[in-house]
Amino acid sequence: MLVITHLYGWSFEDTEHVVAASLVLRQTCRISAEHVPDDTTLIAGPR
């Protein structure tokens, strides 16, 4: 999801909402039917 945030220039909150609404972006991020991570999780970044 961080790549999508950077690619489109969206904020973390915008990325969360758009990915939650888009089946294509969910599949791209391999989230499928799971809960989309919160924007605060995206701010923390990968570990």
C-alpha atoms as a PDB file:
ATOM      1  CA  MET A   1       0.000   0.000   0.000  1.00  0.00           C
ATOM      2  CA  LEU A   2       2.953   2.300   0.556  1.00  0.00           C
ATOM      3  CA  VAL A   3       3.857   1.986  -3.129  1.00  0.00           C
ATOM      4  CA  ILE A   4       0.327   2.983  -4.125  1.00  0.00           C
ATOM      5  CA  THR A   5       0.485   5.944  -1.736  1.00  0.00           C
ATOM      6  CA  HIS A   6       3.699   7.117  -3.355  1.00  0.00           C
ATOM      7  CA  LEU A   7       2.652   6.302  -6.938  1.00  0.00           C
ATOM      8  CA  TYR A   8      -0.568   8.315  -6.831  1.00  0.00           C
ATOM      9  CA  GLY A   9       0.582  10.971  -4.354  1.00  0.00           C
ATOM     10  CA  TRP A  10      -2.299  10.226  -1.985  1.00  0.00           C
ATOM     11  CA  SER A  11      -2.282  10.785   1.750  1.00  0.00           C
ATOM     12  CA  PHE A  12      -2.307   7.711   3.987  1.00  0.00           C
ATOM     13  CA  GLU A  13      -5.958   8.326   4.840  1.00  0.00           C
ATOM     14  CA  ASP A  14      -6.917   8.651   1.152  1.00  0.00           C
ATOM     15  CA  THR A  15      -5.040   5.452   0.342  1.00  0.00           C
ATOM     16  CA  GLU A  16      -6.913   3.583   3.065  1.00  0.00           C
ATOM     17  CA  HIS A  17     -10.309   4.693   1.735  1.00  0.00           C
ATOM     18  CA  VAL A  18      -9.549   4.112  -1.951  1.00  0.00           C
ATOM     19  CA  VAL A  19      -8.022   0.664  -1.417  1.00  0.00           C
ATOM     20  CA  ALA A  20     -10.973  -0.340   0.766  1.00  0.00           C
ATOM     21  CA  ALA A  21     -13.346   0.604  -2.066  1.00  0.00           C
ATOM     22  CA  SER A  22     -11.391  -0.884  -4.990  1.00  0.00           C
ATOM     23  CA  LEU A  23     -11.309  -4.626  -5.644  1.00  0.00           C
ATOM     24  CA  VAL A  24      -8.433  -4.190  -8.118  1.00  0.00           C
ATOM     25  CA  LEU A  25      -6.263  -2.345  -5.585  1.00  0.00           C
ATOM     26  CA  ARG A  26      -7.168  -4.901  -2.904  1.00  0.00           C
ATOM     27  CA  GLN A  27      -5.929  -7.699  -5.163  1.00  0.00           C
ATOM     28  CA  THR A  28      -2.801  -5.702  -6.033  1.00  0.00           C
ATOM     29  CA  CYS A  29      -2.029  -5.287  -2.322  1.00  0.00           C
ATOM     30  CA  ARG A  30      -3.043  -8.920  -1.630  1.00  0.00           C
ATOM     31  CA  ILE A  31      -5.655  -7.851   0.905  1.00  0.00           C
ATOM     32  CA  SER A  32      -8.656  -9.614  -0.743  1.00  0.00           C
ATOM     33  CA  ALA A  33     -11.556  -9.724   1.748  1.00  0.00           C
ATOM     34  CA  GLU A  34      -9.534  -8.873   4.833  1.00  0.00           C
ATOM     35  CA  HIS A  35      -9.740  -5.617   6.740  1.00  0.00           C
ATOM     36  CA  VAL A  36      -7.710  -2.811   5.115  1.00  0.00           C
ATOM     37  CA  PRO A  37      -4.953  -1.536   7.442  1.00  0.00           C
ATOM     38  CA  ASP A  38      -5.658   1.749   9.186  1.00  0.00           C
ATOM     39  CA  ASP A  39      -3.847   4.893   8.014  1.00  0.00           C
ATOM     40  CA  THR A  40      -1.908   4.988  11.295  1.00  0.00           C
ATOM     41  CA  THR A  41      -0.519   1.554  10.441  1.00  0.00           C
ATOM     42  CA  LEU A  42       0.678   2.912   7.105  1.00  0.00           C
ATOM     43  CA  ILE A  43       2.345   5.864   8.814  1.00  0.00           C
ATOM     44  CA  ALA A  44       4.326   3.439  11.001  1.00  0.00           C
ATOM     45  CA  GLY A  45       5.696   1.814   7.825  1.00  0.00           C
ATOM     46  CA  PRO A  46       7.092  -1.653   7.246  1.00  0.00           C
ATOM     47  CA  ARG A  47       9.071  -3.405   9.961  1.00  0.00           C
END
